[in-house]
N, C-alpha and C. Protein backbone atom coordinates (compact mmCIF):
# COMPACT_ATOMS: atom_id res chain seq x y z
N MET A 1 123.45 15.14 183.47
CA MET A 1 124.53 14.22 183.18
C MET A 1 125.82 14.62 183.91
N ALA A 2 126.05 15.88 184.08
CA ALA A 2 127.27 16.34 184.75
C ALA A 2 127.28 15.95 186.23
N LYS A 3 126.10 15.88 186.85
CA LYS A 3 126.02 15.47 188.25
C LYS A 3 126.51 14.05 188.44
N ILE A 4 126.09 13.17 187.53
CA ILE A 4 126.50 11.76 187.62
C ILE A 4 128.00 11.63 187.45
N GLU A 5 128.57 12.33 186.48
CA GLU A 5 130.01 12.24 186.26
C GLU A 5 130.78 12.82 187.44
N LYS A 6 130.25 13.84 188.07
CA LYS A 6 130.89 14.41 189.26
C LYS A 6 130.86 13.38 190.40
N LEU A 7 129.76 12.65 190.53
CA LEU A 7 129.65 11.59 191.53
C LEU A 7 130.68 10.49 191.26
N TYR A 8 130.81 10.07 190.00
CA TYR A 8 131.81 9.06 189.64
C TYR A 8 133.21 9.55 189.98
N GLN A 9 133.48 10.82 189.68
CA GLN A 9 134.79 11.40 189.97
C GLN A 9 135.07 11.40 191.47
N ASN A 10 134.06 11.76 192.26
CA ASN A 10 134.23 11.78 193.72
C ASN A 10 134.49 10.38 194.27
N VAL A 11 133.78 9.38 193.75
CA VAL A 11 133.99 8.01 194.22
C VAL A 11 135.38 7.53 193.81
N ALA A 12 135.81 7.88 192.60
CA ALA A 12 137.15 7.50 192.14
C ALA A 12 138.22 8.11 193.03
N MET A 13 138.07 9.36 193.39
CA MET A 13 139.04 10.01 194.27
C MET A 13 139.01 9.39 195.66
N GLN A 14 137.85 8.95 196.12
CA GLN A 14 137.73 8.28 197.42
C GLN A 14 138.50 6.96 197.40
N VAL A 15 138.42 6.22 196.29
CA VAL A 15 139.16 4.96 196.16
C VAL A 15 140.66 5.22 196.22
N ILE A 16 141.12 6.25 195.51
CA ILE A 16 142.54 6.57 195.48
C ILE A 16 143.02 6.99 196.87
N ARG A 17 142.23 7.81 197.57
CA ARG A 17 142.60 8.22 198.92
C ARG A 17 142.62 7.02 199.87
N ARG A 18 141.69 6.12 199.71
CA ARG A 18 141.61 4.95 200.59
C ARG A 18 142.85 4.06 200.44
N CYS A 19 143.44 4.04 199.27
CA CYS A 19 144.62 3.19 199.03
C CYS A 19 145.91 3.83 199.51
N HIS A 20 145.87 5.06 199.99
CA HIS A 20 147.03 5.74 200.57
C HIS A 20 148.25 5.76 199.65
N GLY A 21 148.03 5.96 198.37
CA GLY A 21 149.14 6.04 197.43
C GLY A 21 149.69 4.71 196.97
N SER A 22 149.16 3.62 197.45
CA SER A 22 149.67 2.31 197.03
C SER A 22 148.77 1.71 195.95
N ILE A 23 148.42 2.54 194.96
CA ILE A 23 147.62 2.11 193.82
C ILE A 23 148.40 2.49 192.57
N GLN A 24 148.41 1.61 191.59
CA GLN A 24 149.19 1.86 190.37
C GLN A 24 148.52 1.20 189.17
N LEU A 25 148.95 1.62 187.98
CA LEU A 25 148.54 0.98 186.74
C LEU A 25 149.68 0.08 186.28
N LYS A 26 149.33 -1.05 185.67
CA LYS A 26 150.35 -1.92 185.08
C LYS A 26 150.93 -1.24 183.86
N LYS A 27 151.99 -1.78 183.30
CA LYS A 27 152.64 -1.19 182.14
C LYS A 27 151.69 -1.01 180.96
N ARG A 28 150.80 -1.93 180.76
CA ARG A 28 149.86 -1.85 179.62
C ARG A 28 148.84 -0.75 179.80
N GLY A 29 148.57 -0.35 181.04
CA GLY A 29 147.77 0.84 181.28
C GLY A 29 146.33 0.67 181.67
N ASN A 30 145.74 -0.52 181.65
CA ASN A 30 144.34 -0.64 182.02
C ASN A 30 144.09 -1.62 183.15
N VAL A 31 145.13 -2.09 183.80
CA VAL A 31 144.98 -3.00 184.94
C VAL A 31 145.40 -2.24 186.19
N ILE A 32 144.46 -2.11 187.12
CA ILE A 32 144.72 -1.39 188.36
C ILE A 32 145.17 -2.40 189.41
N GLU A 33 146.24 -2.07 190.12
CA GLU A 33 146.73 -2.92 191.21
C GLU A 33 146.85 -2.10 192.48
N VAL A 34 146.62 -2.76 193.60
CA VAL A 34 146.75 -2.15 194.93
C VAL A 34 147.71 -3.01 195.73
N TYR A 35 148.56 -2.36 196.52
CA TYR A 35 149.51 -3.09 197.35
C TYR A 35 148.79 -3.65 198.57
N ASP A 36 148.87 -4.95 198.74
CA ASP A 36 148.26 -5.63 199.89
C ASP A 36 149.29 -5.68 201.01
N VAL A 37 149.05 -4.91 202.07
CA VAL A 37 150.03 -4.82 203.15
C VAL A 37 150.11 -6.10 203.99
N LYS A 38 149.07 -6.89 204.02
CA LYS A 38 149.11 -8.14 204.78
C LYS A 38 149.96 -9.19 204.08
N ARG A 39 149.83 -9.28 202.78
CA ARG A 39 150.55 -10.31 202.03
C ARG A 39 151.80 -9.78 201.34
N HIS A 40 152.00 -8.48 201.34
CA HIS A 40 153.18 -7.83 200.77
C HIS A 40 153.39 -8.11 199.28
N PHE A 41 152.32 -7.94 198.50
CA PHE A 41 152.46 -8.01 197.05
C PHE A 41 151.35 -7.17 196.41
N TRP A 42 151.53 -6.87 195.12
CA TRP A 42 150.55 -6.08 194.37
C TRP A 42 149.43 -6.99 193.91
N SER A 43 148.19 -6.60 194.18
CA SER A 43 147.04 -7.44 193.90
C SER A 43 146.06 -6.74 192.97
N LYS A 44 145.60 -7.45 191.94
CA LYS A 44 144.56 -6.92 191.05
C LYS A 44 143.19 -7.09 191.68
N GLY A 45 142.97 -8.22 192.34
CA GLY A 45 141.67 -8.51 192.92
C GLY A 45 141.29 -7.56 194.04
N LEU A 46 142.28 -7.14 194.81
CA LEU A 46 142.03 -6.22 195.91
C LEU A 46 141.52 -4.87 195.39
N ALA A 47 142.05 -4.43 194.26
CA ALA A 47 141.60 -3.17 193.66
C ALA A 47 140.13 -3.26 193.28
N GLY A 48 139.75 -4.38 192.69
CA GLY A 48 138.35 -4.57 192.31
C GLY A 48 137.42 -4.58 193.51
N LEU A 49 137.85 -5.19 194.59
CA LEU A 49 137.03 -5.23 195.80
C LEU A 49 136.86 -3.84 196.41
N ILE A 50 137.93 -3.07 196.42
CA ILE A 50 137.85 -1.72 196.99
C ILE A 50 136.94 -0.84 196.14
N ILE A 51 137.06 -0.94 194.83
CA ILE A 51 136.20 -0.15 193.94
C ILE A 51 134.74 -0.55 194.13
N LYS A 52 134.48 -1.85 194.20
CA LYS A 52 133.10 -2.32 194.38
C LYS A 52 132.53 -1.85 195.72
N GLU A 53 133.33 -1.92 196.77
CA GLU A 53 132.86 -1.51 198.10
C GLU A 53 132.56 -0.01 198.15
N GLU A 54 133.43 0.81 197.57
CA GLU A 54 133.21 2.25 197.57
C GLU A 54 131.98 2.62 196.73
N CYS A 55 131.75 1.89 195.64
CA CYS A 55 130.56 2.14 194.81
C CYS A 55 129.29 1.79 195.58
N LYS A 56 129.34 0.70 196.33
CA LYS A 56 128.16 0.33 197.13
C LYS A 56 127.90 1.36 198.23
N LEU A 57 128.97 1.90 198.83
CA LEU A 57 128.79 2.92 199.86
C LEU A 57 128.19 4.20 199.28
N ALA A 58 128.44 4.46 197.99
CA ALA A 58 127.89 5.64 197.32
C ALA A 58 126.54 5.35 196.67
N ASN A 59 125.98 4.15 196.92
CA ASN A 59 124.69 3.73 196.37
C ASN A 59 124.67 3.71 194.85
N LEU A 60 125.77 3.27 194.24
CA LEU A 60 125.83 3.12 192.79
C LEU A 60 125.45 1.69 192.41
N LYS A 61 124.96 1.54 191.20
CA LYS A 61 124.58 0.21 190.70
C LYS A 61 125.82 -0.55 190.26
N ASP A 62 125.67 -1.86 190.05
CA ASP A 62 126.80 -2.70 189.64
C ASP A 62 127.37 -2.29 188.29
N TRP A 63 126.53 -1.86 187.37
CA TRP A 63 127.02 -1.49 186.04
C TRP A 63 127.78 -0.16 186.06
N GLU A 64 127.66 0.61 187.13
CA GLU A 64 128.36 1.89 187.22
C GLU A 64 129.81 1.73 187.70
N ILE A 65 130.17 0.54 188.15
CA ILE A 65 131.53 0.29 188.61
C ILE A 65 132.53 0.53 187.47
N ALA A 66 132.17 0.12 186.27
CA ALA A 66 133.06 0.31 185.12
C ALA A 66 133.31 1.79 184.85
N ARG A 67 132.30 2.62 185.04
CA ARG A 67 132.46 4.07 184.84
C ARG A 67 133.42 4.65 185.88
N VAL A 68 133.28 4.23 187.13
CA VAL A 68 134.17 4.70 188.19
C VAL A 68 135.59 4.22 187.92
N ARG A 69 135.73 2.99 187.47
CA ARG A 69 137.05 2.44 187.15
C ARG A 69 137.73 3.27 186.05
N ALA A 70 136.96 3.70 185.06
CA ALA A 70 137.52 4.52 183.99
C ALA A 70 138.02 5.86 184.54
N PHE A 71 137.30 6.44 185.48
CA PHE A 71 137.75 7.69 186.10
C PHE A 71 139.02 7.47 186.92
N ILE A 72 139.14 6.33 187.59
CA ILE A 72 140.36 6.03 188.35
C ILE A 72 141.55 5.91 187.40
N ILE A 73 141.37 5.21 186.29
CA ILE A 73 142.45 5.06 185.32
C ILE A 73 142.87 6.41 184.77
N ASP A 74 141.90 7.26 184.42
CA ASP A 74 142.23 8.59 183.91
C ASP A 74 143.01 9.40 184.94
N GLU A 75 142.60 9.33 186.20
CA GLU A 75 143.28 10.08 187.26
C GLU A 75 144.70 9.57 187.47
N LEU A 76 144.89 8.26 187.47
CA LEU A 76 146.22 7.70 187.66
C LEU A 76 147.14 8.03 186.48
N LYS A 77 146.59 8.04 185.28
CA LYS A 77 147.38 8.40 184.09
C LYS A 77 147.78 9.86 184.13
N SER A 78 146.89 10.72 184.60
CA SER A 78 147.21 12.15 184.65
C SER A 78 148.23 12.46 185.73
N ASN A 79 148.33 11.65 186.78
CA ASN A 79 149.28 11.88 187.86
C ASN A 79 150.68 11.38 187.54
N LYS A 80 150.84 10.59 186.50
CA LYS A 80 152.17 10.06 186.16
C LYS A 80 152.97 11.12 185.57
């Protein structure tokens, strides 16, 4: 079980690195937003697409995206 959680943690860190620091949590704390440099606004949908793409690159199943998302939220909360 620890191997799987380590994999989720690694994918979560990959998502954060890919966003180059332009990833944040909303005030309520469970909505992840990424800054879209083309359109110049914070986007919720873009965060979901990046998470989904990184999970597919790591050969994770669709239901594992929620686990990776939880690790991203924990990491962003700990960095505040």
